[in-house]
Amino acid sequence: MLDKIRRTIQKYHMLNPGEHVIAAVSGGPDSVALLHVLISLACEYELTLSVAHLNHGLRGSESDAEEQLVRQLSKERGISCSVKRIDLQALRKCDRRKCSLEDIGRQERYEFFTALAAEIGASRIALGHHREDQAETVLMNFIRGSGLEGLKGIRPVRDGCFIRPLLEVSRRDILDFLQAEHLPFLEDSSNSEDHFLRNRIRHHMIPLLQELYNPRIIDTLNRLAEIARREDDCLKSIVDRILEDLLITSLSEEGTVSISISRLHELDEALQYRLVKSLLERCVLSPRRVAFTHIQAVANLCREEKSVGLLFLPGNVLVRREYDNLKFSLSEANTRSELNSPLKNQKVIGFSYALEIPSVTEIEEVNRVVKTAFIEKVELGFFNVTRNSACFDFDKIEPPLVIRNRREGDRFQPLGMAGTKKLKSYFIDEKVPRRQRDLIPLLADRHSVVWIAGLRLSERVRIDDRTRSIVKIEMI
């Protein structure tokens, strides 16, 4: 295994002699193996090693046991160990973006590692991702409809400091290494739960693909990631050169970026979309990724016959068309109140988000958050039903479950009614203003709409005496 890791380090130029490296160690098998691989290579590369551990406080005594193991491993090997404790549940309650626990935890880890590196003068931060992690990430991004940027998966080197020396070795290699070296580790009990998409992919989808379609699917997905990474990097460099040729490098002093639509249309369509994506990313002052729906909305604005148009996007981004000029800017006026009362020329773009249970999903297009959770039947009596919440029978759902705005042909069976009706007719009957209909989030499965946020639940998913699995959904 060490020889494979050496080749990976050399292939991606992960280490230079004499560097100070932080090993991010959780106490699980991957990170424990990572630490001992770095110890084995320390003399060869003249490395200075430090250990970092973030205790999320999510699993009580189990989290404390992991922290103790990391401290003990570091002490026995004479390596300095920095530990930070956080209350992740409390952080999520205070988080205005209403991110998931996983997202907040990831952000906290990276901020902790980066701050520690600056404090102790480390130039590299090593993470323990391996081949199966890469395959799972590629499949997750594929399911979500990602382009090349998602299919490239986990980067071997990120931001010049985060490195993943184990990325080309397997989980089996890691476990064999730990056994051979008699190294202790702890398994995270949450890895066995199927509530999270990654775990469902790991426990069910990949074994099914291996059994029925391709026994080497892990290798195939890793190869796909490598190909996508090379091609994505190539496209990015081409777009950067185009922007430099057009003298577009950043937001102007007025906070705008402008480009000629005719010049944009001279490019291949793939480059047009990439260039628009790059311009949107330069405007957005947050880590949120620009979605395909946002790029498509800008492309549609450029193709319309009208010479003037306006488009509001998440992150306070305003895209304005003025004849042949397309202007991107940050608009403090892009607030929820404006989204709920659209201007005459404002365009509302389509949105659709895959919905997991439990989860917290932000609908950026309308500045709303959807929270879902399983509850027990006995809890129904304590559930405070509001216009923006509902409970339904999970077993009556036909996956996949999504939260989106309306589509042509949508149908709905209002609670208490025997038949279905067109969603358009329902909105007319309920006197919902036309300008607001595209802004209303809908919960839908493969068959039909099952909940209209703020209005009504579908009869098809109503809870009855035979209901076993109940889902609570709330719109914030």
Protein backbone atom coordinates (compact mmCIF):
# COMPACT_ATOMS: atom_id res chain seq x y z
CA MET A 1 0.00 0.00 0.00
CA LEU A 2 2.84 2.40 0.78
CA ASP A 3 4.17 2.07 -2.76
CA LYS A 4 0.74 2.99 -4.19
CA ILE A 5 0.62 6.03 -1.91
CA ARG A 6 4.14 7.09 -2.89
CA ARG A 7 3.08 7.01 -6.55
CA THR A 8 -0.02 9.08 -5.78
CA ILE A 9 2.05 11.65 -3.88
CA GLN A 10 4.51 11.93 -6.76
CA LYS A 11 1.79 11.95 -9.44
CA TYR A 12 -0.01 14.93 -7.91
CA HIS A 13 3.03 16.65 -6.33
CA MET A 14 1.45 16.43 -2.89
CA LEU A 15 4.60 16.78 -0.79
CA ASN A 16 7.89 18.60 -0.93
CA PRO A 17 10.85 17.77 1.34
CA GLY A 18 10.84 19.57 4.69
CA GLU A 19 7.13 20.44 4.81
CA HIS A 20 5.01 20.67 7.95
CA VAL A 21 1.92 18.49 7.50
CA ILE A 22 -1.25 18.37 9.59
CA ALA A 23 -2.94 14.96 9.62
CA ALA A 24 -6.71 15.30 10.11
CA VAL A 25 -7.50 12.30 12.32
CA SER A 26 -11.05 11.40 13.34
CA GLY A 27 -10.16 8.06 14.95
CA GLY A 28 -11.74 6.02 12.14
CA PRO A 29 -9.81 3.48 10.05
CA ASP A 30 -9.04 5.81 7.14
CA SER A 31 -7.59 8.64 9.19
CA VAL A 32 -5.63 6.32 11.52
CA ALA A 33 -4.09 4.67 8.46
CA LEU A 34 -3.33 8.12 7.02
CA LEU A 35 -1.48 9.15 10.18
CA HIS A 36 0.72 6.05 10.14
CA VAL A 37 1.40 6.34 6.44
CA LEU A 38 2.66 9.88 7.02
CA ILE A 39 4.76 8.66 9.96
CA SER A 40 6.27 6.01 7.65
CA LEU A 41 7.10 8.67 5.04
CA ALA A 42 8.27 11.34 7.50
CA CYS A 43 11.97 10.48 7.26
CA GLU A 44 11.85 10.05 3.49
CA TYR A 45 10.31 13.51 3.01
CA GLU A 46 11.81 15.13 6.14
CA LEU A 47 8.30 15.97 7.33
CA THR A 48 7.19 17.68 10.50
CA LEU A 49 3.87 16.17 11.59
CA SER A 50 0.98 17.48 13.67
CA VAL A 51 -2.45 15.98 14.35
CA ALA A 52 -5.80 17.80 14.32
CA HIS A 53 -9.07 16.40 15.65
CA LEU A 54 -12.51 18.06 15.70
CA ASN A 55 -14.99 16.67 18.22
CA HIS A 56 -18.47 17.46 16.90
CA GLY A 57 -20.18 16.37 20.11
CA LEU A 58 -22.87 14.53 18.15
CA ARG A 59 -22.51 11.00 19.52
CA GLY A 60 -21.79 11.61 23.20
CA SER A 61 -19.47 9.00 24.69
CA GLU A 62 -18.62 7.64 21.23
CA SER A 63 -17.28 11.06 20.16
CA ASP A 64 -15.32 11.34 23.40
CA ALA A 65 -13.81 7.87 22.86
CA GLU A 66 -12.64 8.91 19.38
CA GLU A 67 -11.04 12.05 20.79
CA GLN A 68 -9.29 10.00 23.49
CA LEU A 69 -7.98 7.52 20.90
CA VAL A 70 -6.55 10.32 18.73
CA ARG A 71 -4.89 11.92 21.76
CA GLN A 72 -3.41 8.57 22.80
CA LEU A 73 -2.10 7.73 19.30
CA SER A 74 -0.47 11.16 19.04
CA LYS A 75 1.08 10.96 22.51
CA GLU A 76 2.52 7.48 21.93
CA ARG A 77 4.20 8.67 18.74
CA GLY A 78 5.41 11.98 20.10
CA ILE A 79 3.28 14.10 17.75
CA SER A 80 1.58 17.31 18.84
CA CYS A 81 -2.22 17.03 18.82
CA SER A 82 -4.67 19.93 18.56
CA VAL A 83 -8.28 19.20 19.51
CA LYS A 84 -11.28 21.47 19.11
CA ARG A 85 -14.70 20.73 20.59
CA ILE A 86 -17.89 22.16 19.14
CA ASP A 87 -21.63 21.72 19.66
CA LEU A 88 -22.76 21.05 16.12
CA GLN A 89 -26.46 20.92 17.00
CA ALA A 90 -26.23 24.37 18.62
CA LEU A 91 -24.34 25.73 15.62
CA ARG A 92 -27.07 24.52 13.27
CA LYS A 93 -29.75 26.27 15.34
CA CYS A 94 -27.78 29.52 15.02
CA ASP A 95 -27.02 29.03 11.32
CA ARG A 96 -28.98 31.53 9.24
CA ARG A 97 -28.44 29.53 6.04
CA LYS A 98 -30.15 26.49 7.61
CA CYS A 99 -27.51 24.11 6.26
CA SER A 100 -27.50 20.41 7.08
CA LEU A 101 -25.45 19.05 9.95
CA GLU A 102 -23.09 17.46 7.43
CA ASP A 103 -22.47 20.76 5.64
CA ILE A 104 -21.91 22.72 8.84
CA GLY A 105 -19.61 19.99 10.19
CA ARG A 106 -17.58 20.01 6.98
CA GLN A 107 -17.27 23.78 7.06
CA GLU A 108 -16.21 23.74 10.73
CA ARG A 109 -13.55 21.10 10.02
CA TYR A 110 -12.02 22.99 7.13
CA GLU A 111 -12.04 26.27 9.06
CA PHE A 112 -10.38 24.58 12.04
CA PHE A 113 -7.71 22.91 9.92
CA THR A 114 -6.98 26.09 7.96
CA ALA A 115 -6.72 28.25 11.09
CA LEU A 116 -4.46 25.70 12.77
CA ALA A 117 -2.20 25.51 9.72
CA ALA A 118 -1.78 29.29 9.77
CA GLU A 119 -1.11 29.25 13.52
CA ILE A 120 1.61 26.55 13.49
CA GLY A 121 3.06 27.25 10.06
CA ALA A 122 1.92 24.04 8.33
CA SER A 123 1.89 24.03 4.53
CA ARG A 124 -0.20 20.88 3.97
CA ILE A 125 -3.35 19.38 5.51
CA ALA A 126 -3.76 15.65 4.82
CA LEU A 127 -7.23 14.07 4.62
CA GLY A 128 -8.07 10.35 4.56
CA HIS A 129 -10.36 9.93 1.54
CA HIS A 130 -9.88 6.72 -0.50
CA ARG A 131 -11.11 5.06 -3.72
CA GLU A 132 -14.54 4.10 -2.41
CA ASP A 133 -15.10 7.65 -1.16
CA GLN A 134 -14.31 8.88 -4.66
CA ALA A 135 -16.72 6.41 -6.31
CA GLU A 136 -19.52 7.33 -3.89
CA THR A 137 -18.97 11.05 -4.50
CA VAL A 138 -19.12 10.62 -8.28
CA LEU A 139 -22.39 8.66 -7.99
CA MET A 140 -23.89 11.21 -5.60
CA ASN A 141 -23.10 14.05 -7.99
CA PHE A 142 -24.38 12.04 -10.97
CA ILE A 143 -27.71 11.41 -9.20
CA ARG A 144 -28.00 15.15 -8.52
CA GLY A 145 -27.52 15.92 -12.23
CA SER A 146 -24.04 17.40 -12.03
CA GLY A 147 -21.84 18.26 -14.99
CA LEU A 148 -18.11 17.66 -15.36
CA GLU A 149 -17.33 19.61 -12.22
CA GLY A 150 -19.29 17.14 -10.12
CA LEU A 151 -18.20 14.03 -12.01
CA LYS A 152 -14.56 14.80 -11.26
CA GLY A 153 -15.37 13.98 -7.66
CA ILE A 154 -12.80 14.59 -4.93
CA ARG A 155 -9.68 16.46 -5.99
CA PRO A 156 -6.35 14.86 -4.96
CA VAL A 157 -5.05 18.35 -4.14
CA ARG A 158 -7.32 21.26 -3.30
CA ASP A 159 -6.44 24.92 -2.83
CA GLY A 160 -2.75 24.02 -2.87
CA CYS A 161 -2.79 22.79 0.74
CA PHE A 162 -5.38 20.01 1.22
CA ILE A 163 -3.95 16.68 0.07
CA ARG A 164 -5.43 13.17 -0.08
CA PRO A 165 -2.60 10.62 -0.21
CA LEU A 166 -4.97 7.62 0.16
CA LEU A 167 -7.21 8.55 -2.78
CA GLU A 168 -5.92 5.75 -5.01
CA VAL A 169 -6.01 2.94 -2.44
CA SER A 170 -9.06 0.91 -1.47
CA ARG A 171 -10.86 0.47 1.82
CA ARG A 172 -9.70 -3.16 1.78
CA ASP A 173 -6.07 -2.02 1.43
CA ILE A 174 -6.54 0.28 4.42
CA LEU A 175 -8.09 -2.40 6.64
CA ASP A 176 -5.37 -4.90 5.71
CA PHE A 177 -2.73 -2.29 6.55
CA LEU A 178 -4.30 -1.58 9.96
CA GLN A 179 -4.49 -5.28 10.76
CA ALA A 180 -0.90 -5.93 9.70
CA GLU A 181 0.35 -3.03 11.81
CA HIS A 182 -1.95 -3.87 14.78
CA LEU A 183 -3.34 -0.33 14.79
CA PRO A 184 -6.46 0.52 16.83
CA PHE A 185 -9.35 2.49 15.35
CA LEU A 186 -13.04 3.18 16.01
CA GLU A 187 -15.94 2.86 13.59
CA ASP A 188 -18.42 5.75 13.39
CA SER A 189 -21.82 4.18 14.19
CA SER A 190 -23.61 6.71 11.94
CA ASN A 191 -21.91 5.07 8.93
CA SER A 192 -24.33 2.16 9.25
CA GLU A 193 -27.45 4.35 9.02
CA ASP A 194 -29.32 4.63 5.72
CA HIS A 195 -30.76 8.10 6.34
CA PHE A 196 -27.88 9.68 4.41
CA LEU A 197 -27.58 9.43 0.63
CA ARG A 198 -23.88 8.50 0.75
CA ASN A 199 -24.61 5.58 3.06
CA ARG A 200 -27.44 4.30 0.86
CA ILE A 201 -25.12 4.45 -2.15
CA ARG A 202 -22.41 2.61 -0.20
CA HIS A 203 -24.67 -0.08 1.27
CA HIS A 204 -27.08 -0.69 -1.61
CA MET A 205 -26.33 0.95 -4.96
CA ILE A 206 -22.65 0.06 -5.34
CA PRO A 207 -23.11 -3.60 -4.30
CA LEU A 208 -26.00 -3.86 -6.79
CA LEU A 209 -23.91 -2.34 -9.58
CA GLN A 210 -21.06 -4.70 -8.75
CA GLU A 211 -23.30 -7.75 -8.74
CA LEU A 212 -25.45 -7.07 -11.81
CA TYR A 213 -23.50 -4.72 -14.07
CA ASN A 214 -19.81 -4.20 -13.41
CA PRO A 215 -17.78 -5.97 -10.70
CA ARG A 216 -15.08 -3.28 -11.14
CA ILE A 217 -17.45 -0.33 -10.79
CA ILE A 218 -15.21 1.32 -8.17
CA ASP A 219 -12.31 1.35 -10.65
CA THR A 220 -14.61 2.58 -13.42
CA LEU A 221 -15.94 5.50 -11.36
CA ASN A 222 -12.44 6.48 -10.26
CA ARG A 223 -11.32 6.47 -13.88
CA LEU A 224 -14.33 8.60 -14.82
CA ALA A 225 -13.37 11.09 -12.08
CA GLU A 226 -9.82 11.35 -13.40
CA ILE A 227 -10.98 11.90 -17.00
CA ALA A 228 -13.60 14.47 -15.93
CA ARG A 229 -11.03 16.28 -13.77
CA ARG A 230 -8.60 16.70 -16.70
CA GLU A 231 -11.30 17.88 -19.10
CA ASP A 232 -12.88 20.21 -16.54
CA ASP A 233 -9.51 21.80 -15.78
CA CYS A 234 -8.95 22.26 -19.53
CA LEU A 235 -12.32 23.98 -19.98
CA LYS A 236 -11.65 26.25 -17.01
CA SER A 237 -8.28 27.34 -18.39
CA ILE A 238 -9.83 28.09 -21.81
CA VAL A 239 -12.57 30.19 -20.21
CA ASP A 240 -10.03 32.05 -18.07
CA ARG A 241 -8.05 32.95 -21.19
CA ILE A 242 -11.22 34.15 -22.94
CA LEU A 243 -12.10 36.35 -19.98
CA GLU A 244 -8.58 37.77 -19.95
CA ASP A 245 -8.83 38.52 -23.68
CA LEU A 246 -12.11 40.32 -23.00
CA LEU A 247 -10.43 42.20 -20.14
CA ILE A 248 -12.85 40.68 -17.64
CA THR A 249 -10.94 39.65 -14.55
CA SER A 250 -13.13 40.69 -11.61
CA LEU A 251 -16.01 42.91 -10.55
CA SER A 252 -15.52 46.56 -11.45
CA GLU A 253 -15.42 49.30 -8.83
CA GLU A 254 -19.15 49.70 -9.40
CA GLY A 255 -19.62 46.02 -8.56
CA THR A 256 -20.54 44.89 -12.08
CA VAL A 257 -19.20 42.67 -14.84
CA SER A 258 -20.31 43.30 -18.41
CA ILE A 259 -19.95 41.20 -21.56
CA SER A 260 -21.15 41.55 -25.14
CA ILE A 261 -23.92 39.07 -26.00
CA SER A 262 -22.80 38.95 -29.63
CA ARG A 263 -19.25 38.09 -28.51
CA LEU A 264 -20.67 35.45 -26.21
CA HIS A 265 -22.63 33.85 -29.06
CA GLU A 266 -19.46 33.60 -31.17
CA LEU A 267 -18.25 30.89 -28.79
CA ASP A 268 -19.14 27.21 -28.81
CA GLU A 269 -22.25 26.58 -26.68
CA ALA A 270 -20.27 24.62 -24.08
CA LEU A 271 -17.92 27.58 -23.65
CA GLN A 272 -20.87 30.00 -23.47
CA TYR A 273 -22.33 28.10 -20.52
CA ARG A 274 -18.92 27.81 -18.83
CA LEU A 275 -18.25 31.50 -19.27
CA VAL A 276 -21.63 32.46 -17.79
CA LYS A 277 -20.97 30.08 -14.87
CA SER A 278 -17.59 31.71 -14.27
CA LEU A 279 -19.11 35.19 -14.30
CA LEU A 280 -21.84 34.18 -11.86
CA GLU A 281 -19.25 32.63 -9.54
CA ARG A 282 -17.30 35.88 -9.52
CA CYS A 283 -20.41 37.72 -8.35
CA VAL A 284 -21.52 35.30 -5.65
CA LEU A 285 -19.80 36.10 -2.36
CA SER A 286 -20.57 32.76 -0.72
CA PRO A 287 -19.39 29.13 -1.00
CA ARG A 288 -22.65 28.06 -2.63
CA ARG A 289 -22.19 26.58 -6.05
CA VAL A 290 -23.92 28.09 -9.06
CA ALA A 291 -26.62 25.68 -10.27
CA PHE A 292 -27.40 24.71 -13.86
CA THR A 293 -30.85 26.33 -13.60
CA HIS A 294 -29.16 29.69 -12.94
CA ILE A 295 -26.89 29.33 -15.97
CA GLN A 296 -29.78 28.22 -18.18
CA ALA A 297 -31.85 31.22 -17.08
CA VAL A 298 -29.05 33.60 -18.15
CA ALA A 299 -28.68 31.76 -21.49
CA ASN A 300 -32.43 32.10 -22.09
CA LEU A 301 -32.25 35.82 -21.29
CA CYS A 302 -29.60 36.20 -24.02
CA ARG A 303 -31.67 34.34 -26.62
CA GLU A 304 -34.92 36.25 -26.19
CA GLU A 305 -36.11 38.71 -28.80
CA LYS A 306 -36.61 41.41 -26.19
CA SER A 307 -33.63 43.75 -26.01
CA VAL A 308 -34.09 44.54 -22.31
CA GLY A 309 -34.57 42.09 -19.45
CA LEU A 310 -33.90 41.51 -15.78
CA LEU A 311 -33.09 38.33 -13.86
CA PHE A 312 -32.78 37.90 -10.08
CA LEU A 313 -30.63 35.00 -8.85
CA PRO A 314 -29.63 33.69 -5.40
CA GLY A 315 -26.80 35.41 -3.55
CA ASN A 316 -28.20 38.87 -4.41
CA VAL A 317 -27.01 38.50 -8.01
CA LEU A 318 -28.77 40.65 -10.59
CA VAL A 319 -28.35 39.91 -14.32
CA ARG A 320 -29.49 42.71 -16.59
CA ARG A 321 -29.75 42.66 -20.38
CA GLU A 322 -29.41 46.03 -22.09
CA TYR A 323 -29.44 45.48 -25.84
CA ASP A 324 -26.11 43.75 -26.67
CA ASN A 325 -24.71 44.08 -23.14
CA LEU A 326 -25.16 41.49 -20.42
CA LYS A 327 -24.38 42.90 -16.97
CA PHE A 328 -23.81 40.88 -13.78
CA SER A 329 -23.95 42.69 -10.44
CA LEU A 330 -24.70 42.30 -6.76
CA SER A 331 -28.04 43.75 -5.74
CA GLU A 332 -28.83 44.37 -2.09
CA ALA A 333 -32.43 44.91 -3.19
CA ASN A 334 -32.90 41.24 -4.05
CA THR A 335 -34.80 40.36 -0.89
CA ARG A 336 -37.50 37.86 -0.08
CA SER A 337 -40.17 40.55 -0.20
CA GLU A 338 -39.27 41.31 -3.82
CA LEU A 339 -39.31 37.64 -4.69
CA ASN A 340 -42.80 37.34 -3.24
CA SER A 341 -43.96 40.38 -5.21
CA PRO A 342 -42.14 40.05 -8.55
CA LEU A 343 -41.49 43.08 -10.69
CA LYS A 344 -43.20 43.13 -14.04
CA ASN A 345 -40.07 42.08 -15.94
CA GLN A 346 -38.60 39.82 -13.26
CA LYS A 347 -38.15 36.22 -14.35
CA VAL A 348 -38.64 33.35 -11.92
CA ILE A 349 -36.44 30.40 -12.85
CA GLY A 350 -37.40 26.77 -12.41
CA PHE A 351 -35.97 24.93 -9.43
CA SER A 352 -35.88 21.31 -8.29
CA TYR A 353 -34.08 19.76 -5.32
CA ALA A 354 -33.82 16.08 -4.48
CA LEU A 355 -35.24 15.63 -1.00
CA GLU A 356 -33.78 13.28 1.59
CA ILE A 357 -35.36 12.35 4.91
CA PRO A 358 -34.23 13.61 7.33
CA SER A 359 -32.69 16.71 5.77
CA VAL A 360 -32.55 20.49 5.71
CA THR A 361 -32.75 21.81 2.14
CA GLU A 362 -32.37 25.44 1.14
CA ILE A 363 -34.40 26.63 -1.85
CA GLU A 364 -32.20 29.52 -2.88
CA GLU A 365 -34.53 30.73 -5.63
CA VAL A 366 -37.22 31.75 -3.13
CA ASN A 367 -35.14 32.11 0.04
CA ARG A 368 -36.96 29.31 1.85
CA VAL A 369 -35.79 26.24 3.76
CA VAL A 370 -37.44 22.81 3.82
CA LYS A 371 -36.94 20.58 6.86
CA THR A 372 -37.95 16.91 6.88
CA ALA A 373 -37.82 14.29 9.61
CA PHE A 374 -39.34 10.93 10.51
CA ILE A 375 -41.62 11.03 13.56
CA GLU A 376 -43.45 8.38 15.56
CA LYS A 377 -47.22 8.06 15.38
CA VAL A 378 -47.54 9.01 19.04
CA GLU A 379 -45.91 12.36 18.23
CA LEU A 380 -48.77 13.40 15.94
CA GLY A 381 -50.75 14.67 18.89
CA PHE A 382 -47.96 17.09 19.75
CA PHE A 383 -47.44 18.27 16.17
CA ASN A 384 -48.52 21.89 15.70
CA VAL A 385 -50.01 21.99 12.20
CA THR A 386 -49.50 25.33 10.40
CA ARG A 387 -49.94 26.59 6.85
CA ASN A 388 -46.28 25.77 6.20
CA SER A 389 -46.10 22.28 7.70
CA ALA A 390 -47.63 18.87 7.14
CA CYS A 391 -47.31 15.16 7.98
CA PHE A 392 -47.72 12.38 5.45
CA ASP A 393 -47.44 8.60 4.99
CA PHE A 394 -43.95 7.87 3.68
CA ASP A 395 -44.89 4.40 2.38
CA LYS A 396 -47.39 5.97 -0.04
CA ILE A 397 -44.63 7.97 -1.76
CA GLU A 398 -43.29 6.83 -5.14
CA PRO A 399 -39.59 7.88 -5.17
CA PRO A 400 -37.76 9.99 -6.08
CA LEU A 401 -39.03 12.77 -3.82
CA VAL A 402 -38.28 16.36 -4.88
CA ILE A 403 -39.13 19.89 -3.85
CA ARG A 404 -39.70 22.09 -6.90
CA ASN A 405 -41.92 24.71 -8.48
CA ARG A 406 -44.74 23.94 -10.89
CA ARG A 407 -44.39 22.14 -14.22
CA GLU A 408 -46.72 21.96 -17.20
CA GLY A 409 -49.28 19.20 -16.67
CA ASP A 410 -48.93 18.96 -12.87
CA ARG A 411 -51.90 17.31 -11.17
CA PHE A 412 -52.97 17.22 -7.54
CA GLN A 413 -55.52 15.38 -5.40
CA PRO A 414 -56.55 17.81 -2.63
CA LEU A 415 -57.03 16.30 0.81
CA GLY A 416 -60.61 15.03 1.19
CA MET A 417 -61.30 14.78 -2.57
CA ALA A 418 -61.75 11.56 -4.55
CA GLY A 419 -60.32 12.69 -7.88
CA THR A 420 -57.37 14.73 -9.16
CA LYS A 421 -57.37 18.11 -10.82
CA LYS A 422 -54.85 20.17 -12.72
CA LEU A 423 -52.63 22.24 -10.48
CA LYS A 424 -53.39 25.26 -12.65
CA SER A 425 -57.10 24.82 -11.95
CA TYR A 426 -56.45 24.42 -8.24
CA PHE A 427 -54.50 27.70 -8.15
CA ILE A 428 -57.34 29.44 -10.00
CA ASP A 429 -59.93 28.03 -7.58
CA GLU A 430 -57.83 29.14 -4.59
CA LYS A 431 -57.36 32.60 -6.18
CA VAL A 432 -53.53 32.35 -6.07
CA PRO A 433 -52.14 35.35 -8.02
CA ARG A 434 -50.53 34.29 -11.29
CA ARG A 435 -47.27 36.09 -10.46
CA GLN A 436 -46.87 33.99 -7.28
CA ARG A 437 -47.57 30.54 -8.70
CA ASP A 438 -43.99 29.88 -9.85
CA LEU A 439 -42.71 30.84 -6.38
CA ILE A 440 -44.69 28.22 -4.43
CA PRO A 441 -42.59 25.16 -3.49
CA LEU A 442 -44.24 21.84 -4.28
CA LEU A 443 -43.43 18.44 -2.81
CA ALA A 444 -43.69 15.89 -5.60
CA ASP A 445 -42.86 12.25 -6.21
CA ARG A 446 -42.74 10.24 -9.42
CA HIS A 447 -46.54 10.20 -9.69
CA SER A 448 -47.80 13.69 -8.80
CA VAL A 449 -47.65 16.68 -6.48
CA VAL A 450 -48.28 15.58 -2.87
CA TRP A 451 -48.03 18.89 -0.97
CA ILE A 452 -48.47 22.52 -1.97
CA ALA A 453 -46.50 24.51 0.59
CA GLY A 454 -48.75 26.87 2.51
CA LEU A 455 -51.91 25.47 0.97
CA ARG A 456 -52.80 21.78 1.04
CA LEU A 457 -51.69 18.14 1.34
CA SER A 458 -52.64 15.42 -1.14
CA GLU A 459 -55.25 12.83 -0.26
CA ARG A 460 -52.95 10.19 -1.78
CA VAL A 461 -50.41 10.43 1.09
CA ARG A 462 -52.89 10.97 3.93
CA ILE A 463 -52.07 9.23 7.23
CA ASP A 464 -54.50 6.43 8.15
CA ASP A 465 -54.76 3.48 10.55
CA ARG A 466 -52.33 1.40 8.46
CA THR A 467 -49.63 4.07 8.35
CA ARG A 468 -46.27 2.91 9.71
CA SER A 469 -43.74 5.56 8.59
CA ILE A 470 -44.63 9.22 9.08
CA VAL A 471 -42.70 12.17 7.70
CA LYS A 472 -43.00 15.71 9.00
CA ILE A 473 -42.20 18.49 6.53
CA GLU A 474 -41.85 22.17 7.38
CA MET A 475 -41.26 25.27 5.25
CA ILE A 476 -39.29 28.04 6.94
